[in-house]
Protein backbone atom coordinates (compact mmCIF):
# COMPACT_ATOMS: atom_id res chain seq x y z
CA MET A 1 -9.50 -8.91 7.92
CA THR A 2 -10.91 -6.28 10.13
CA VAL A 3 -11.40 -2.92 8.39
CA VAL A 4 -12.48 -3.25 4.95
CA LEU A 5 -13.86 0.83 3.92
CA ALA A 6 -13.76 4.09 6.35
CA ARG A 7 -16.47 6.29 5.40
CA ILE A 8 -16.47 10.54 6.22
CA ASP A 9 -20.40 10.84 6.20
CA GLN A 10 -22.34 13.37 8.34
CA ARG A 11 -25.44 11.43 8.34
CA LEU A 12 -23.38 8.31 10.08
CA ILE A 13 -25.32 4.90 9.67
CA HIS A 14 -28.45 5.75 7.25
CA GLY A 15 -30.13 3.77 3.85
CA LEU A 16 -27.93 3.63 1.13
CA ILE A 17 -24.81 2.41 4.29
CA VAL A 18 -27.02 -0.60 5.71
CA ASN A 19 -29.08 -1.15 2.28
CA GLN A 20 -25.65 -0.94 -0.63
CA TRP A 21 -22.25 -0.55 1.17
CA ALA A 22 -22.89 -3.65 3.62
CA GLN A 23 -23.86 -5.95 1.29
CA SER A 24 -21.36 -4.51 -1.19
CA LEU A 25 -18.71 -4.55 1.31
CA GLN A 26 -20.12 -7.70 3.05
CA VAL A 27 -19.48 -5.99 5.98
CA LYS A 28 -20.30 -7.47 9.93
CA ARG A 29 -19.97 -4.91 12.18
CA PHE A 30 -20.91 -1.14 11.87
CA MET A 31 -18.16 1.24 13.28
CA VAL A 32 -19.33 5.20 14.65
CA VAL A 33 -16.88 6.52 16.19
CA ASP A 34 -17.67 9.81 17.21
CA ASP A 35 -17.10 11.11 20.87
CA GLU A 36 -20.06 13.02 21.55
CA ILE A 37 -22.21 11.29 20.28
CA SER A 38 -21.25 8.32 21.55
CA GLN A 39 -22.17 9.98 24.80
CA ASN A 40 -26.00 10.24 23.70
CA GLU A 41 -28.14 6.75 24.45
CA THR A 42 -31.10 8.32 22.99
CA ILE A 43 -29.21 8.73 19.14
CA LYS A 44 -27.54 5.47 19.62
CA ALA A 45 -30.73 3.72 20.19
CA SER A 46 -31.67 4.83 17.30
CA MET A 47 -29.25 3.71 15.39
CA ARG A 48 -29.02 0.58 16.28
CA MET A 49 -32.58 0.57 15.18
CA SER A 50 -31.65 0.50 11.57
CA LYS A 51 -28.78 -2.62 11.46
CA PRO A 52 -29.76 -5.33 9.45
CA ALA A 53 -30.13 -8.76 11.19
CA GLY A 54 -26.61 -10.92 11.52
CA THR A 55 -24.44 -7.17 11.70
CA GLY A 56 -23.14 -5.71 14.99
CA MET A 57 -22.61 -1.98 15.10
CA SER A 58 -20.30 -0.07 17.77
CA ILE A 59 -20.51 3.40 18.67
CA ILE A 60 -18.12 4.16 20.37
CA ASP A 61 -15.68 7.15 21.21
CA THR A 62 -12.12 8.10 19.77
CA GLN A 63 -10.05 6.49 21.84
CA LYS A 64 -12.26 3.48 23.07
CA ALA A 65 -12.37 2.19 18.65
CA ILE A 66 -8.57 2.93 19.49
CA THR A 67 -8.30 0.55 22.24
CA ASN A 68 -10.14 -1.86 21.02
CA PHE A 69 -8.82 -2.29 17.19
CA ASN A 70 -5.51 -2.93 19.14
CA ALA A 71 -6.69 -5.30 21.61
CA GLY A 72 -7.30 -7.09 18.02
CA LYS A 73 -11.11 -7.37 19.33
CA TYR A 74 -12.41 -6.99 15.49
CA ASP A 75 -9.85 -9.51 13.58
CA ALA A 76 -12.75 -11.83 13.07
CA GLN A 77 -14.46 -9.25 11.74
CA ARG A 78 -15.07 -6.93 8.02
CA VAL A 79 -15.68 -3.61 10.06
CA LEU A 80 -17.55 -0.38 8.37
CA ILE A 81 -15.76 2.70 9.89
CA LEU A 82 -18.37 5.84 9.93
CA VAL A 83 -16.96 8.65 11.04
CA LYS A 84 -18.12 12.40 11.21
CA GLU A 85 -14.71 14.62 9.91
CA PRO A 86 -11.49 13.21 8.70
CA ALA A 87 -9.93 14.57 12.31
CA THR A 88 -11.14 11.37 13.56
CA LEU A 89 -10.11 9.08 10.81
CA LEU A 90 -6.77 11.00 11.05
CA LYS A 91 -6.40 10.02 15.12
CA LEU A 92 -6.96 6.09 14.49
CA ILE A 93 -4.45 6.07 11.49
CA GLU A 94 -2.12 7.92 14.04
CA GLY A 95 -3.69 5.71 17.22
CA GLY A 96 -2.52 2.41 14.96
CA VAL A 97 -6.04 1.35 13.10
CA GLN A 98 -5.19 0.06 9.85
CA ILE A 99 -7.70 1.67 7.10
CA PRO A 100 -7.56 0.57 3.72
CA LYS A 101 -8.83 3.39 2.49
CA VAL A 102 -10.71 6.03 2.89
CA ASP A 103 -14.73 6.88 1.32
CA LEU A 104 -15.32 10.59 1.32
CA GLY A 105 -19.67 9.92 1.64
CA ILE A 106 -21.98 12.58 2.38
CA ILE A 107 -20.08 15.68 4.21
CA PHE A 108 -22.86 19.31 4.31
CA ASN A 109 -21.67 22.86 2.82
CA GLU A 110 -22.39 24.05 5.64
CA ASP A 111 -19.65 25.84 8.65
CA GLY A 112 -17.96 27.20 6.70
CA ARG A 113 -17.19 24.65 3.79
CA LYS A 114 -16.70 24.93 0.40
CA PRO A 115 -18.39 22.50 -2.05
CA VAL A 116 -15.99 20.07 -3.61
CA THR A 117 -18.51 17.75 -5.54
CA LYS A 118 -22.52 18.21 -5.57
CA PHE A 119 -22.14 15.80 -1.82
CA VAL A 120 -19.25 17.30 -0.69
CA ALA A 121 -18.28 20.10 0.79
CA LEU A 122 -14.65 20.44 2.87
CA ASP A 123 -12.87 23.12 5.36
CA ASP A 124 -8.49 23.90 4.48
CA THR A 125 -8.49 21.78 8.04
CA GLU A 126 -10.19 18.60 6.68
CA LYS A 127 -8.32 19.43 3.58
CA ALA A 128 -5.04 19.56 5.68
CA ASP A 129 -6.35 16.20 7.32
CA LEU A 130 -6.85 14.37 4.14
CA GLU A 131 -3.72 15.11 2.16
CA THR A 132 -2.48 13.81 5.77
CA ILE A 133 -4.00 10.46 5.40
CA LYS A 134 -3.44 10.78 1.74
CA SER A 135 0.51 10.95 2.62
CA LYS A 136 0.32 7.48 5.02
CA GLY A 137 -0.11 6.41 1.45
CA ILE A 138 -3.56 5.92 2.76
CA PRO A 139 -6.28 5.95 0.02
CA VAL A 140 -9.39 8.78 -0.32
CA VAL A 141 -11.85 8.03 -3.17
CA ILE A 142 -15.47 9.91 -3.64
CA GLN A 143 -18.32 7.32 -4.04
CA TYR A 144 -21.44 8.04 -3.34
CA VAL A 145 -22.84 4.19 -3.95
CA PRO A 146 -21.06 1.26 -4.23
CA THR A 147 -22.14 0.81 -7.50
CA ASP A 148 -20.52 4.64 -8.88
CA PRO A 149 -17.59 4.81 -9.99
CA GLU A 150 -14.67 5.86 -7.65
CA GLU A 151 -12.97 9.07 -8.02
CA ASN A 152 -10.26 10.00 -6.21
CA TYR A 153 -10.03 12.94 -4.08
């Protein structure tokens, strides 16, 4: 198995991810896919400090993620993909990355977004991207922590 879950969470790596999601999903690699952050060595270094022992972490741009997944680089690992917005996931999916499910974590109510739930706000483009993902047969759910019940988006 490769990707066990893709999560859209503007905070990317944080306590809930490394302490609850990683254990629940038995993650072996955290895959942060972000074109901007992948170029910022300071942010990448601080993110790597949060990595639990025994796990790997990649902080790469979208194209490198597509290339690496298609080359089978992570085939023997359980990977949790973390992105800030649906558009990044859509690019991964259209690039051939197999994603079994998308979870909406925290998407801040800013930049013209409208609240969908307590923790998720989306703009029209993000809603359209999520609908496209769903149309490809990939479930999109809202689940803040693994112990919360899953809600279909």
